[in-house]
Every structure is written in structure tokens, then in C-alpha cells.
Amino acid sequence: MPTLIVRGGISDVVSERVMAEFMDTVPQVRSVTVSGAGHMVAGDSNHAFTKAVMAFLEEVYPAAISSDTSQQSGNDRNI
């Protein structure tokens, strides 16, 4: 199963060592480190977090992302 971990570069909870151990255990994992963010990456750097998640989803599910956005029109939005 595709897995993404977004780690804050200055997290005091998830160290680089812990991240490396997790990546050795879960071979299909993709990781992104957001420098300047702590453990709560989405709160510390929402733009970087969202960008990382969207890039991951577009890579893993390209047809779903493309068709979902192309089917939206006017006030009809899937959220």
C-alpha cells in the first residue's frame, strides 16, 4: 500500500533515525521532510504539507486526481 510520511525537520518526536527505521520496515513508503516545521507539520507549514500530500496523490492516483478535477464545473465541487 502506498504510504507517505511528512516529517517536520525540527520535530522532537520523529527523529531522522526513527524515520530511517520506518523506511526500512515499510519498503513502499515515501517521505518528505519539511524543514522549519515541528511535529505538527500541517499546522507549522500548511502550504508545504498540502503540496507534499497533493504531489503524492497525483503520483499514486494520477487518473483519479485528473478525472476528479476535470469533472468539476461551476458550483459543483467535490470536497
PDB file of N, CA and C in Angstrom:
ATOM      1  N   MET A   1       0.838  -1.167   0.000  1.00  0.00           N
ATOM      2  CA  MET A   1       0.000   0.000   0.000  1.00  0.00           C
ATOM      3  C   MET A   1       0.892   1.241   0.000  1.00  0.00           C
ATOM      4  N   PRO A   2       0.658   2.173  -0.893  1.00  0.00           N
ATOM      5  CA  PRO A   2       1.441   3.411  -0.905  1.00  0.00           C
ATOM      6  C   PRO A   2       1.283   4.171   0.403  1.00  0.00           C
ATOM      7  N   THR A   3       2.391   4.627   0.922  1.00  0.00           N
ATOM      8  CA  THR A   3       2.396   5.314   2.209  1.00  0.00           C
ATOM      9  C   THR A   3       3.247   6.562   2.116  1.00  0.00           C
ATOM     10  N   LEU A   4       2.781   7.644   2.703  1.00  0.00           N
ATOM     11  CA  LEU A   4       3.534   8.895   2.742  1.00  0.00           C
ATOM     12  C   LEU A   4       3.715   9.311   4.192  1.00  0.00           C
ATOM     13  N   ILE A   5       4.936   9.689   4.539  1.00  0.00           N
ATOM     14  CA  ILE A   5       5.203  10.296   5.842  1.00  0.00           C
ATOM     15  C   ILE A   5       5.735  11.695   5.579  1.00  0.00           C
ATOM     16  N   VAL A   6       5.105  12.660   6.195  1.00  0.00           N
ATOM     17  CA  VAL A   6       5.575  14.039   6.120  1.00  0.00           C
ATOM     18  C   VAL A   6       6.114  14.371   7.510  1.00  0.00           C
ATOM     19  N   ARG A   7       7.413  14.573   7.588  1.00  0.00           N
ATOM     20  CA  ARG A   7       8.092  14.805   8.864  1.00  0.00           C
ATOM     21  C   ARG A   7       8.555  16.243   8.963  1.00  0.00           C
ATOM     22  N   GLY A   8       8.358  16.831  10.114  1.00  0.00           N
ATOM     23  CA  GLY A   8       8.891  18.165  10.370  1.00  0.00           C
ATOM     24  C   GLY A   8      10.384  18.075  10.631  1.00  0.00           C
ATOM     25  N   GLY A   9      11.148  18.898   9.970  1.00  0.00           N
ATOM     26  CA  GLY A   9      12.606  18.870  10.085  1.00  0.00           C
ATOM     27  C   GLY A   9      13.115  19.147  11.483  1.00  0.00           C
ATOM     28  N   ILE A  10      12.311  19.850  12.287  1.00  0.00           N
ATOM     29  CA  ILE A  10      12.742  20.118  13.660  1.00  0.00           C
ATOM     30  C   ILE A  10      11.821  19.411  14.663  1.00  0.00           C
ATOM     31  N   SER A  11      11.213  18.309  14.225  1.00  0.00           N
ATOM     32  CA  SER A  11      10.344  17.536  15.107  1.00  0.00           C
ATOM     33  C   SER A  11      11.142  16.979  16.272  1.00  0.00           C
ATOM     34  N   ASP A  12      10.571  17.095  17.468  1.00  0.00           N
ATOM     35  CA  ASP A  12      11.198  16.493  18.637  1.00  0.00           C
ATOM     36  C   ASP A  12      10.562  15.141  18.956  1.00  0.00           C
ATOM     37  N   VAL A  13       9.689  14.657  18.067  1.00  0.00           N
ATOM     38  CA  VAL A  13       9.025  13.369  18.254  1.00  0.00           C
ATOM     39  C   VAL A  13       9.546  12.331  17.263  1.00  0.00           C
ATOM     40  N   VAL A  14       9.646  12.711  15.985  1.00  0.00           N
ATOM     41  CA  VAL A  14      10.109  11.790  14.946  1.00  0.00           C
ATOM     42  C   VAL A  14      11.489  12.238  14.483  1.00  0.00           C
ATOM     43  N   SER A  15      12.505  11.521  14.929  1.00  0.00           N
ATOM     44  CA  SER A  15      13.883  11.861  14.562  1.00  0.00           C
ATOM     45  C   SER A  15      14.229  11.276  13.197  1.00  0.00           C
ATOM     46  N   GLU A  16      15.357  11.691  12.661  1.00  0.00           N
ATOM     47  CA  GLU A  16      15.828  11.124  11.393  1.00  0.00           C
ATOM     48  C   GLU A  16      16.068   9.627  11.539  1.00  0.00           C
ATOM     49  N   ARG A  17      16.550   9.203  12.706  1.00  0.00           N
ATOM     50  CA  ARG A  17      16.806   7.778  12.949  1.00  0.00           C
ATOM     51  C   ARG A  17      15.495   6.991  12.921  1.00  0.00           C
ATOM     52  N   VAL A  18      14.469   7.504  13.580  1.00  0.00           N
ATOM     53  CA  VAL A  18      13.167   6.835  13.592  1.00  0.00           C
ATOM     54  C   VAL A  18      12.602   6.771  12.177  1.00  0.00           C
ATOM     55  N   MET A  19      12.762   7.838  11.432  1.00  0.00           N
ATOM     56  CA  MET A  19      12.282   7.871  10.048  1.00  0.00           C
ATOM     57  C   MET A  19      13.001   6.809   9.208  1.00  0.00           C
ATOM     58  N   ALA A  20      14.303   6.694   9.363  1.00  0.00           N
ATOM     59  CA  ALA A  20      15.087   5.706   8.614  1.00  0.00           C
ATOM     60  C   ALA A  20      14.653   4.285   8.979  1.00  0.00           C
ATOM     61  N   GLU A  21      14.411   4.039  10.255  1.00  0.00           N
ATOM     62  CA  GLU A  21      13.956   2.717  10.691  1.00  0.00           C
ATOM     63  C   GLU A  21      12.592   2.386  10.093  1.00  0.00           C
ATOM     64  N   PHE A  22      11.700   3.347  10.071  1.00  0.00           N
ATOM     65  CA  PHE A  22      10.375   3.128   9.493  1.00  0.00           C
ATOM     66  C   PHE A  22      10.482   2.837   8.000  1.00  0.00           C
ATOM     67  N   MET A  23      11.338   3.579   7.325  1.00  0.00           N
ATOM     68  CA  MET A  23      11.502   3.390   5.887  1.00  0.00           C
ATOM     69  C   MET A  23      12.108   2.026   5.569  1.00  0.00           C
ATOM     70  N   ASP A  24      12.951   1.506   6.450  1.00  0.00           N
ATOM     71  CA  ASP A  24      13.491   0.153   6.266  1.00  0.00           C
ATOM     72  C   ASP A  24      12.405  -0.900   6.465  1.00  0.00           C
ATOM     73  N   THR A  25      11.453  -0.626   7.331  1.00  0.00           N
ATOM     74  CA  THR A  25      10.385  -1.569   7.659  1.00  0.00           C
ATOM     75  C   THR A  25       9.278  -1.566   6.614  1.00  0.00           C
ATOM     76  N   VAL A  26       8.981  -0.405   6.066  1.00  0.00           N
ATOM     77  CA  VAL A  26       7.885  -0.247   5.103  1.00  0.00           C
ATOM     78  C   VAL A  26       8.487   0.164   3.760  1.00  0.00           C
ATOM     79  N   PRO A  27       8.755  -0.816   2.891  1.00  0.00           N
ATOM     80  CA  PRO A  27       9.503  -0.516   1.660  1.00  0.00           C
ATOM     81  C   PRO A  27       8.821   0.429   0.681  1.00  0.00           C
ATOM     82  N   GLN A  28       7.497   0.490   0.665  1.00  0.00           N
ATOM     83  CA  GLN A  28       6.799   1.338  -0.300  1.00  0.00           C
ATOM     84  C   GLN A  28       6.569   2.754   0.213  1.00  0.00           C
ATOM     85  N   VAL A  29       7.159   3.097   1.353  1.00  0.00           N
ATOM     86  CA  VAL A  29       6.936   4.414   1.934  1.00  0.00           C
ATOM     87  C   VAL A  29       7.680   5.496   1.153  1.00  0.00           C
ATOM     88  N   ARG A  30       7.044   6.633   1.053  1.00  0.00           N
ATOM     89  CA  ARG A  30       7.690   7.830   0.515  1.00  0.00           C
ATOM     90  C   ARG A  30       7.759   8.821   1.660  1.00  0.00           C
ATOM     91  N   SER A  31       8.817   9.562   1.716  1.00  0.00           N
ATOM     92  CA  SER A  31       8.945  10.511   2.818  1.00  0.00           C
ATOM     93  C   SER A  31       9.280  11.898   2.313  1.00  0.00           C
ATOM     94  N   VAL A  32       8.790  12.869   3.053  1.00  0.00           N
ATOM     95  CA  VAL A  32       9.078  14.270   2.795  1.00  0.00           C
ATOM     96  C   VAL A  32       9.419  14.890   4.144  1.00  0.00           C
ATOM     97  N   THR A  33      10.516  15.627   4.186  1.00  0.00           N
ATOM     98  CA  THR A  33      10.866  16.359   5.392  1.00  0.00           C
ATOM     99  C   THR A  33      10.685  17.844   5.105  1.00  0.00           C
ATOM    100  N   VAL A  34       9.919  18.495   5.953  1.00  0.00           N
ATOM    101  CA  VAL A  34       9.657  19.921   5.807  1.00  0.00           C
ATOM    102  C   VAL A  34      10.539  20.655   6.810  1.00  0.00           C
ATOM    103  N   SER A  35      11.590  21.275   6.312  1.00  0.00           N
ATOM    104  CA  SER A  35      12.498  21.991   7.202  1.00  0.00           C
ATOM    105  C   SER A  35      11.766  23.165   7.838  1.00  0.00           C
ATOM    106  N   GLY A  36      12.088  23.433   9.071  1.00  0.00           N
ATOM    107  CA  GLY A  36      11.462  24.549   9.772  1.00  0.00           C
ATOM    108  C   GLY A  36      10.140  24.203  10.427  1.00  0.00           C
ATOM    109  N   ALA A  37       9.623  22.995  10.185  1.00  0.00           N
ATOM    110  CA  ALA A  37       8.368  22.574  10.806  1.00  0.00           C
ATOM    111  C   ALA A  37       8.673  21.614  11.945  1.00  0.00           C
ATOM    112  N   GLY A  38       7.848  21.690  12.990  1.00  0.00           N
ATOM    113  CA  GLY A  38       7.981  20.767  14.106  1.00  0.00           C
ATOM    114  C   GLY A  38       7.162  19.514  13.855  1.00  0.00           C
ATOM    115  N   HIS A  39       6.715  18.880  14.938  1.00  0.00           N
ATOM    116  CA  HIS A  39       5.970  17.628  14.804  1.00  0.00           C
ATOM    117  C   HIS A  39       4.617  17.835  14.124  1.00  0.00           C
ATOM    118  N   MET A  40       3.986  18.960  14.322  1.00  0.00           N
ATOM    119  CA  MET A  40       2.687  19.231  13.709  1.00  0.00           C
ATOM    120  C   MET A  40       2.892  19.975  12.389  1.00  0.00           C
ATOM    121  N   VAL A  41       3.335  19.238  11.384  1.00  0.00           N
ATOM    122  CA  VAL A  41       3.748  19.844  10.108  1.00  0.00           C
ATOM    123  C   VAL A  41       2.617  20.648   9.478  1.00  0.00           C
ATOM    124  N   ALA A  42       1.427  20.093   9.446  1.00  0.00           N
ATOM    125  CA  ALA A  42       0.316  20.798   8.794  1.00  0.00           C
ATOM    126  C   ALA A  42       0.027  22.133   9.467  1.00  0.00           C
ATOM    127  N   GLY A  43       0.218  22.207  10.769  1.00  0.00           N
ATOM    128  CA  GLY A  43      -0.006  23.467  11.485  1.00  0.00           C
ATOM    129  C   GLY A  43       1.153  24.432  11.340  1.00  0.00           C
ATOM    130  N   ASP A  44       2.364  23.887  11.294  1.00  0.00           N
ATOM    131  CA  ASP A  44       3.556  24.732  11.197  1.00  0.00           C
ATOM    132  C   ASP A  44       3.805  25.247   9.786  1.00  0.00           C
ATOM    133  N   SER A  45       3.474  24.427   8.792  1.00  0.00           N
ATOM    134  CA  SER A  45       3.734  24.802   7.398  1.00  0.00           C
ATOM    135  C   SER A  45       2.673  24.161   6.507  1.00  0.00           C
ATOM    136  N   ASN A  46       1.456  24.684   6.602  1.00  0.00           N
ATOM    137  CA  ASN A  46       0.327  24.100   5.887  1.00  0.00           C
ATOM    138  C   ASN A  46       0.560  24.010   4.385  1.00  0.00           C
ATOM    139  N   HIS A  47       1.127  25.040   3.797  1.00  0.00           N
ATOM    140  CA  HIS A  47       1.356  25.041   2.349  1.00  0.00           C
ATOM    141  C   HIS A  47       2.292  23.900   1.946  1.00  0.00           C
ATOM    142  N   ALA A  48       3.390  23.734   2.652  1.00  0.00           N
ATOM    143  CA  ALA A  48       4.356  22.672   2.327  1.00  0.00           C
ATOM    144  C   ALA A  48       3.729  21.299   2.541  1.00  0.00           C
ATOM    145  N   PHE A  49       2.942  21.140   3.602  1.00  0.00           N
ATOM    146  CA  PHE A  49       2.270  19.874   3.877  1.00  0.00           C
ATOM    147  C   PHE A  49       1.302  19.527   2.746  1.00  0.00           C
ATOM    148  N   THR A  50       0.458  20.482   2.386  1.00  0.00           N
ATOM    149  CA  THR A  50      -0.521  20.254   1.324  1.00  0.00           C
ATOM    150  C   THR A  50       0.158  19.945   0.001  1.00  0.00           C
ATOM    151  N   LYS A  51       1.211  20.665  -0.302  1.00  0.00           N
ATOM    152  CA  LYS A  51       1.956  20.428  -1.546  1.00  0.00           C
ATOM    153  C   LYS A  51       2.520  18.998  -1.576  1.00  0.00           C
ATOM    154  N   ALA A  52       3.063  18.539  -0.464  1.00  0.00           N
ATOM    155  CA  ALA A  52       3.619  17.188  -0.386  1.00  0.00           C
ATOM    156  C   ALA A  52       2.537  16.125  -0.564  1.00  0.00           C
ATOM    157  N   VAL A  53       1.400  16.326   0.096  1.00  0.00           N
ATOM    158  CA  VAL A  53       0.309  15.360   0.001  1.00  0.00           C
ATOM    159  C   VAL A  53      -0.266  15.334  -1.418  1.00  0.00           C
ATOM    160  N   MET A  54      -0.470  16.490  -2.010  1.00  0.00           N
ATOM    161  CA  MET A  54      -1.023  16.538  -3.377  1.00  0.00           C
ATOM    162  C   MET A  54      -0.070  15.892  -4.388  1.00  0.00           C
ATOM    163  N   ALA A  55       1.224  16.146  -4.248  1.00  0.00           N
ATOM    164  CA  ALA A  55       2.204  15.535  -5.156  1.00  0.00           C
ATOM    165  C   ALA A  55       2.173  14.018  -5.023  1.00  0.00           C
ATOM    166  N   PHE A  56       2.074  13.530  -3.787  1.00  0.00           N
ATOM    167  CA  PHE A  56       2.000  12.094  -3.533  1.00  0.00           C
ATOM    168  C   PHE A  56       0.745  11.499  -4.168  1.00  0.00           C
ATOM    169  N   LEU A  57      -0.398  12.127  -3.954  1.00  0.00           N
ATOM    170  CA  LEU A  57      -1.648  11.612  -4.514  1.00  0.00           C
ATOM    171  C   LEU A  57      -1.640  11.631  -6.035  1.00  0.00           C
ATOM    172  N   GLU A  58      -1.089  12.666  -6.622  1.00  0.00           N
ATOM    173  CA  GLU A  58      -1.016  12.745  -8.078  1.00  0.00           C
ATOM    174  C   GLU A  58      -0.098  11.667  -8.642  1.00  0.00           C
ATOM    175  N   GLU A  59       0.946  11.323  -7.898  1.00  0.00           N
ATOM    176  CA  GLU A  59       1.861  10.266  -8.333  1.00  0.00           C
ATOM    177  C   GLU A  59       1.215   8.893  -8.206  1.00  0.00           C
ATOM    178  N   VAL A  60       0.535   8.654  -7.100  1.00  0.00           N
ATOM    179  CA  VAL A  60      -0.026   7.334  -6.819  1.00  0.00           C
ATOM    180  C   VAL A  60      -1.351   7.102  -7.536  1.00  0.00           C
ATOM    181  N   TYR A  61      -2.184   8.132  -7.643  1.00  0.00           N
ATOM    182  CA  TYR A  61      -3.510   8.008  -8.246  1.00  0.00           C
ATOM    183  C   TYR A  61      -3.718   9.062  -9.341  1.00  0.00           C
ATOM    184  N   PRO A  62      -2.894   9.071 -10.373  1.00  0.00           N
ATOM    185  CA  PRO A  62      -2.983  10.152 -11.371  1.00  0.00           C
ATOM    186  C   PRO A  62      -4.327  10.226 -12.085  1.00  0.00           C
ATOM    187  N   ALA A  63      -4.928   9.108 -12.418  1.00  0.00           N
ATOM    188  CA  ALA A  63      -6.196   9.133 -13.147  1.00  0.00           C
ATOM    189  C   ALA A  63      -7.317   9.681 -12.262  1.00  0.00           C
ATOM    190  N   ALA A  64      -7.318   9.322 -11.011  1.00  0.00           N
ATOM    191  CA  ALA A  64      -8.373   9.782 -10.098  1.00  0.00           C
ATOM    192  C   ALA A  64      -8.290  11.285  -9.882  1.00  0.00           C
ATOM    193  N   ILE A  65      -7.087  11.801  -9.716  1.00  0.00           N
ATOM    194  CA  ILE A  65      -6.918  13.248  -9.496  1.00  0.00           C
ATOM    195  C   ILE A  65      -7.304  14.003 -10.756  1.00  0.00           C
ATOM    196  N   SER A  66      -6.859  13.529 -11.926  1.00  0.00           N
ATOM    197  CA  SER A  66      -7.146  14.212 -13.188  1.00  0.00           C
ATOM    198  C   SER A  66      -8.629  14.201 -13.496  1.00  0.00           C
ATOM    199  N   SER A  67      -9.273  13.035 -13.354  1.00  0.00           N
ATOM    200  CA  SER A  67     -10.688  12.954 -13.706  1.00  0.00           C
ATOM    201  C   SER A  67     -11.554  13.708 -12.709  1.00  0.00           C
ATOM    202  N   ASP A  68     -11.150  13.729 -11.436  1.00  0.00           N
ATOM    203  CA  ASP A  68     -11.923  14.434 -10.422  1.00  0.00           C
ATOM    204  C   ASP A  68     -11.939  15.934 -10.710  1.00  0.00           C
ATOM    205  N   THR A  69     -10.797  16.498 -11.037  1.00  0.00           N
ATOM    206  CA  THR A  69     -10.746  17.934 -11.298  1.00  0.00           C
ATOM    207  C   THR A  69     -11.370  18.289 -12.637  1.00  0.00           C
ATOM    208  N   SER A  70     -11.311  17.387 -13.627  1.00  0.00           N
ATOM    209  CA  SER A  70     -11.882  17.711 -14.933  1.00  0.00           C
ATOM    210  C   SER A  70     -13.401  17.605 -14.923  1.00  0.00           C
ATOM    211  N   GLN A  71     -13.985  16.873 -13.959  1.00  0.00           N
ATOM    212  CA  GLN A  71     -15.428  16.713 -13.899  1.00  0.00           C
ATOM    213  C   GLN A  71     -16.105  17.850 -13.133  1.00  0.00           C
ATOM    214  N   GLN A  72     -15.346  18.677 -12.459  1.00  0.00           N
ATOM    215  CA  GLN A  72     -15.928  19.769 -11.691  1.00  0.00           C
ATOM    216  C   GLN A  72     -16.264  20.931 -12.606  1.00  0.00           C
ATOM    217  N   SER A  73     -17.432  21.506 -12.386  1.00  0.00           N
ATOM    218  CA  SER A  73     -17.798  22.674 -13.177  1.00  0.00           C
ATOM    219  C   SER A  73     -18.703  23.580 -12.348  1.00  0.00           C
ATOM    220  N   GLY A  74     -18.599  24.862 -12.590  1.00  0.00           N
ATOM    221  CA  GLY A  74     -19.446  25.817 -11.899  1.00  0.00           C
ATOM    222  C   GLY A  74     -19.393  25.682 -10.400  1.00  0.00           C
ATOM    223  N   ASN A  75     -20.584  25.550  -9.794  1.00  0.00           N
ATOM    224  CA  ASN A  75     -20.671  25.426  -8.347  1.00  0.00           C
ATOM    225  C   ASN A  75     -20.602  23.980  -7.867  1.00  0.00           C
ATOM    226  N   ASP A  76     -20.500  23.032  -8.797  1.00  0.00           N
ATOM    227  CA  ASP A  76     -20.436  21.610  -8.445  1.00  0.00           C
ATOM    228  C   ASP A  76     -18.997  21.238  -8.082  1.00  0.00           C
ATOM    229  N   ARG A  77     -18.732  21.094  -6.785  1.00  0.00           N
ATOM    230  CA  ARG A  77     -17.387  20.775  -6.322  1.00  0.00           C
ATOM    231  C   ARG A  77     -17.425  19.589  -5.387  1.00  0.00           C
ATOM    232  N   ASN A  78     -16.521  18.656  -5.603  1.00  0.00           N
ATOM    233  CA  ASN A  78     -16.365  17.527  -4.682  1.00  0.00           C
ATOM    234  C   ASN A  78     -15.351  17.901  -3.624  1.00  0.00           C
ATOM    235  N   ILE A  79     -15.744  17.821  -2.381  1.00  0.00           N
ATOM    236  CA  ILE A  79     -14.824  18.177  -1.299  1.00  0.00           C
ATOM    237  C   ILE A  79     -14.654  16.965  -0.409  1.00  0.00           C
TER     238      ILE A  79
END
